[in-house]
Amino acid sequence: MSVQARRDTTPEMAVRRLLYASGHRYRLQRRVPGFSRRTIDIAFPGPKVAVFLDGCFWHGCPEHATHPKANANWWRNKLDGNIARDRETTEHLVEQGWTVLRFWEHEDPVAVADQVATTLSATARRR
């Protein structure tokens, strides 16, 4: 598992390039307030928008997640724990006043970047 990319994944890079090209500036791997070992993939601290690009296997995508047959119980516990941690992180950020956007790695980067831009615009109008 230590070989798995934690940052700068292909989906992240594609979305980041699109956001940057459209003039949006962001912070990478920003720590989640109150959770020292959790980070936001793409953070917009001013408007408090957190973007997560979740891998299908590790985060339990309903369309593409697979369940290993070897050591099945261990993997079930591990993946269920990841899903629970994602939920807890989202709830914590929302309580802190953040808007949380979660996307799957298989989603179209253009659509993801458009949704992020729309959310940033809506957040700016509310301020």
Protein backbone atom coordinates (compact mmCIF):
# COMPACT_ATOMS: atom_id res chain seq x y z
CA MET A 1 0.00 0.00 0.00
CA SER A 2 2.91 2.37 0.53
CA VAL A 3 3.45 2.28 -3.25
CA GLN A 4 0.03 3.83 -3.86
CA ALA A 5 0.15 7.48 -4.88
CA ARG A 6 -1.26 9.73 -2.21
CA ARG A 7 -0.92 12.91 -4.22
CA ASP A 8 -0.42 14.08 -7.78
CA THR A 9 -2.48 11.24 -9.20
CA THR A 10 -3.44 11.41 -12.87
CA PRO A 11 -7.06 12.49 -12.13
CA GLU A 12 -5.85 15.16 -9.68
CA MET A 13 -3.33 16.53 -12.15
CA ALA A 14 -5.93 16.73 -14.93
CA VAL A 15 -8.40 18.63 -12.73
CA ARG A 16 -5.69 20.90 -11.32
CA ARG A 17 -4.48 21.85 -14.81
CA LEU A 18 -8.01 22.78 -15.85
CA LEU A 19 -8.65 24.80 -12.69
CA TYR A 20 -5.34 26.64 -13.02
CA ALA A 21 -5.93 27.37 -16.70
CA SER A 22 -9.30 28.89 -15.84
CA GLY A 23 -7.70 31.22 -13.28
CA HIS A 24 -8.48 29.39 -10.05
CA ARG A 25 -5.67 29.26 -7.50
CA TYR A 26 -5.65 26.58 -4.84
CA ARG A 27 -3.60 24.88 -2.15
CA LEU A 28 -2.54 21.25 -2.35
CA GLN A 29 -2.63 18.62 0.37
CA ARG A 30 -3.98 21.08 2.95
CA ARG A 31 -4.36 19.51 6.39
CA VAL A 32 -7.91 18.96 7.59
CA PRO A 33 -8.34 21.18 10.68
CA GLY A 34 -8.51 18.94 13.74
CA PHE A 35 -7.19 15.83 11.96
CA SER A 36 -3.41 15.87 11.73
CA ARG A 37 -3.12 12.89 9.36
CA ARG A 38 -5.83 13.83 6.85
CA THR A 39 -5.43 16.16 3.91
CA ILE A 40 -7.64 17.88 1.37
CA ASP A 41 -6.57 17.05 -2.20
CA ILE A 42 -7.35 20.51 -3.59
CA ALA A 43 -8.25 23.25 -1.11
CA PHE A 44 -9.58 26.75 -1.62
CA PRO A 45 -9.06 28.16 1.90
CA GLY A 46 -10.62 31.60 1.30
CA PRO A 47 -14.04 30.39 0.17
CA LYS A 48 -13.57 27.20 2.24
CA VAL A 49 -14.09 24.72 -0.59
CA ALA A 50 -12.49 21.28 -0.24
CA VAL A 51 -12.13 18.99 -3.26
CA PHE A 52 -11.40 15.28 -2.94
CA LEU A 53 -10.69 13.02 -5.92
CA ASP A 54 -11.23 9.52 -4.56
CA GLY A 55 -9.84 6.35 -6.08
CA CYS A 56 -12.49 3.78 -6.94
CA PHE A 57 -10.78 0.85 -5.21
CA TRP A 58 -9.64 2.58 -2.03
CA HIS A 59 -12.77 4.61 -1.39
CA GLY A 60 -15.50 2.16 -2.44
CA CYS A 61 -16.88 3.50 -5.71
CA PRO A 62 -20.33 1.93 -6.23
CA GLU A 63 -19.60 1.46 -9.95
CA HIS A 64 -16.01 0.23 -10.02
CA ALA A 65 -14.93 -0.96 -6.58
CA THR A 66 -13.64 -4.51 -6.46
CA HIS A 67 -13.29 -6.76 -3.46
CA PRO A 68 -10.15 -8.87 -3.25
CA LYS A 69 -10.75 -12.56 -2.68
CA ALA A 70 -7.49 -13.20 -0.83
CA ASN A 71 -7.64 -12.10 2.81
CA ALA A 72 -11.20 -10.93 2.17
CA ASN A 73 -12.11 -10.07 5.78
CA TRP A 74 -9.04 -7.89 6.24
CA TRP A 75 -9.74 -6.04 3.00
CA ARG A 76 -13.43 -5.60 3.85
CA ASN A 77 -12.48 -4.02 7.21
CA LYS A 78 -9.81 -1.86 5.58
CA LEU A 79 -12.05 -0.53 2.80
CA ASP A 80 -15.04 -0.05 5.13
CA GLY A 81 -12.72 1.94 7.42
CA ASN A 82 -11.66 4.14 4.50
CA ILE A 83 -15.30 4.85 3.64
CA ALA A 84 -16.11 5.66 7.28
CA ARG A 85 -13.07 7.96 7.51
CA ASP A 86 -14.15 9.78 4.33
CA ARG A 87 -17.62 10.30 5.80
CA GLU A 88 -16.17 11.55 9.11
CA THR A 89 -13.81 13.94 7.31
CA THR A 90 -16.64 15.35 5.20
CA GLU A 91 -18.89 15.83 8.23
CA HIS A 92 -16.09 17.52 10.18
CA LEU A 93 -15.29 19.94 7.37
CA VAL A 94 -18.97 20.81 6.87
CA GLU A 95 -19.25 21.53 10.61
CA GLN A 96 -16.25 23.87 10.20
CA GLY A 97 -18.09 25.78 7.45
CA TRP A 98 -16.42 24.16 4.42
CA THR A 99 -18.17 23.12 1.23
CA VAL A 100 -16.97 19.60 0.42
CA LEU A 101 -16.92 18.22 -3.11
CA ARG A 102 -16.08 14.54 -3.63
CA PHE A 103 -15.48 13.03 -7.05
CA TRP A 104 -14.45 9.60 -8.28
CA GLU A 105 -11.25 9.09 -10.25
CA HIS A 106 -13.23 7.90 -13.28
CA GLU A 107 -15.26 11.10 -13.61
CA ASP A 108 -14.56 13.42 -16.53
CA PRO A 109 -11.96 16.01 -15.43
CA VAL A 110 -13.68 18.75 -17.44
CA ALA A 111 -17.00 18.07 -15.68
CA VAL A 112 -15.24 17.98 -12.30
CA ALA A 113 -13.43 21.27 -12.93
CA ASP A 114 -16.70 22.86 -14.12
CA GLN A 115 -18.49 21.73 -10.94
CA VAL A 116 -15.67 23.11 -8.78
CA ALA A 117 -15.74 26.43 -10.67
CA THR A 118 -19.52 26.64 -10.31
CA THR A 119 -19.25 26.00 -6.57
CA LEU A 120 -16.52 28.63 -6.20
CA SER A 121 -18.69 31.17 -8.05
CA ALA A 122 -21.71 30.37 -5.89
CA THR A 123 -19.60 30.62 -2.74
CA ALA A 124 -18.22 34.00 -3.84
CA ARG A 125 -21.76 35.33 -4.41
CA ARG A 126 -22.76 34.34 -0.86
CA ARG A 127 -19.87 36.24 0.72
